[in-house]
Amino acid sequence: MVTDNVRDAERACEELRDALGAAGVTLPSLGLDAVSCAGSAPLALIDLGRCNVATVRALAAALRSGREEGATA
């Protein structure tokens, strides 16, 4: 049975995937943590996964860019 917590986590994960994609970043293992979604009261954590050095640098650059744009707005 899928709970509201799990559905919300799925939506949040997709939102993050879309936002990262728009910034040119792909986290290959982004998804729900299966263990945290189990049980009668799932916590539904999002696993950002493992990625290589190039992906980490692209993510850091996207975050810096977003911060700089926010400072000028």
C-alpha atoms as a PDB file:
ATOM      1  CA  MET A   1       0.000   0.000   0.000  1.00  0.00           C
ATOM      2  CA  VAL A   2       1.394   3.378  -1.039  1.00  0.00           C
ATOM      3  CA  THR A   3       0.907   6.069   1.595  1.00  0.00           C
ATOM      4  CA  ASP A   4       0.638   9.833   1.225  1.00  0.00           C
ATOM      5  CA  ASN A   5       4.205  10.124   2.559  1.00  0.00           C
ATOM      6  CA  VAL A   6       5.507   7.879  -0.197  1.00  0.00           C
ATOM      7  CA  ARG A   7       3.503   9.679  -2.905  1.00  0.00           C
ATOM      8  CA  ASP A   8       4.783  13.023  -1.633  1.00  0.00           C
ATOM      9  CA  ALA A   9       8.354  11.726  -1.630  1.00  0.00           C
ATOM     10  CA  GLU A  10       7.905  10.443  -5.202  1.00  0.00           C
ATOM     11  CA  ARG A  11       6.680  13.880  -6.307  1.00  0.00           C
ATOM     12  CA  ALA A  12       9.542  15.627  -4.515  1.00  0.00           C
ATOM     13  CA  CYS A  13      12.027  13.261  -6.128  1.00  0.00           C
ATOM     14  CA  GLU A  14      10.625  14.037  -9.584  1.00  0.00           C
ATOM     15  CA  GLU A  15      10.715  17.776  -8.850  1.00  0.00           C
ATOM     16  CA  LEU A  16      14.380  17.486  -7.892  1.00  0.00           C
ATOM     17  CA  ARG A  17      15.143  15.333 -10.946  1.00  0.00           C
ATOM     18  CA  ASP A  18      13.485  17.944 -13.206  1.00  0.00           C
ATOM     19  CA  ALA A  19      15.256  20.880 -11.546  1.00  0.00           C
ATOM     20  CA  LEU A  20      18.622  19.154 -11.713  1.00  0.00           C
ATOM     21  CA  GLY A  21      17.998  18.224 -15.344  1.00  0.00           C
ATOM     22  CA  ALA A  22      17.239  21.857 -16.166  1.00  0.00           C
ATOM     23  CA  ALA A  23      20.618  22.729 -14.629  1.00  0.00           C
ATOM     24  CA  GLY A  24      22.331  20.019 -16.672  1.00  0.00           C
ATOM     25  CA  VAL A  25      22.889  17.656 -13.732  1.00  0.00           C
ATOM     26  CA  THR A  26      21.847  14.007 -13.540  1.00  0.00           C
ATOM     27  CA  LEU A  27      22.118  12.070 -10.293  1.00  0.00           C
ATOM     28  CA  PRO A  28      22.134   8.503 -11.624  1.00  0.00           C
ATOM     29  CA  SER A  29      20.920   6.862  -8.416  1.00  0.00           C
ATOM     30  CA  LEU A  30      18.302   9.443  -7.385  1.00  0.00           C
ATOM     31  CA  GLY A  31      15.246   7.659  -6.013  1.00  0.00           C
ATOM     32  CA  LEU A  32      13.281   6.637  -2.958  1.00  0.00           C
ATOM     33  CA  ASP A  33      15.037   4.730  -0.200  1.00  0.00           C
ATOM     34  CA  ALA A  34      13.144   1.433  -0.228  1.00  0.00           C
ATOM     35  CA  VAL A  35      13.814   0.611   3.425  1.00  0.00           C
ATOM     36  CA  SER A  36      12.427   3.940   4.641  1.00  0.00           C
ATOM     37  CA  CYS A  37       9.258   3.397   2.574  1.00  0.00           C
ATOM     38  CA  ALA A  38       8.439   0.079   4.247  1.00  0.00           C
ATOM     39  CA  GLY A  39       6.233  -0.515   7.249  1.00  0.00           C
ATOM     40  CA  SER A  40       2.957   0.863   8.450  1.00  0.00           C
ATOM     41  CA  ALA A  41       4.241   4.436   8.943  1.00  0.00           C
ATOM     42  CA  PRO A  42       6.902   4.986   6.266  1.00  0.00           C
ATOM     43  CA  LEU A  43       9.325   7.866   6.613  1.00  0.00           C
ATOM     44  CA  ALA A  44       9.877   7.906   2.826  1.00  0.00           C
ATOM     45  CA  LEU A  45      13.402   9.261   2.543  1.00  0.00           C
ATOM     46  CA  ILE A  46      14.889  10.247  -0.801  1.00  0.00           C
ATOM     47  CA  ASP A  47      18.241   8.698  -1.622  1.00  0.00           C
ATOM     48  CA  LEU A  48      20.374  11.130  -3.594  1.00  0.00           C
ATOM     49  CA  GLY A  49      22.622   8.216  -4.485  1.00  0.00           C
ATOM     50  CA  ARG A  50      26.179   7.866  -5.508  1.00  0.00           C
ATOM     51  CA  CYS A  51      27.778   9.884  -8.276  1.00  0.00           C
ATOM     52  CA  ASN A  52      31.162  10.511  -9.812  1.00  0.00           C
ATOM     53  CA  VAL A  53      33.411  13.539  -9.348  1.00  0.00           C
ATOM     54  CA  ALA A  54      32.221  15.224 -12.554  1.00  0.00           C
ATOM     55  CA  THR A  55      28.590  15.024 -11.412  1.00  0.00           C
ATOM     56  CA  VAL A  56      29.445  16.418  -7.981  1.00  0.00           C
ATOM     57  CA  ARG A  57      31.245  19.346  -9.591  1.00  0.00           C
ATOM     58  CA  ALA A  58      28.324  19.977 -11.958  1.00  0.00           C
ATOM     59  CA  LEU A  59      25.936  19.957  -8.992  1.00  0.00           C
ATOM     60  CA  ALA A  60      28.162  22.347  -7.036  1.00  0.00           C
ATOM     61  CA  ALA A  61      28.369  24.689 -10.040  1.00  0.00           C
ATOM     62  CA  ALA A  62      24.587  24.630 -10.492  1.00  0.00           C
ATOM     63  CA  LEU A  63      24.069  25.474  -6.814  1.00  0.00           C
ATOM     64  CA  ARG A  64      26.613  28.302  -6.968  1.00  0.00           C
ATOM     65  CA  SER A  65      24.986  29.648 -10.135  1.00  0.00           C
ATOM     66  CA  GLY A  66      21.547  29.591  -8.523  1.00  0.00           C
ATOM     67  CA  ARG A  67      22.865  31.370  -5.447  1.00  0.00           C
ATOM     68  CA  GLU A  68      24.508  34.051  -7.586  1.00  0.00           C
ATOM     69  CA  GLU A  69      21.292  34.569  -9.595  1.00  0.00           C
ATOM     70  CA  GLY A  70      19.327  34.901  -6.362  1.00  0.00           C
ATOM     71  CA  ALA A  71      21.728  37.566  -5.113  1.00  0.00           C
ATOM     72  CA  THR A  72      21.197  39.689  -8.221  1.00  0.00           C
ATOM     73  CA  ALA A  73      17.404  39.388  -8.269  1.00  0.00           C
END
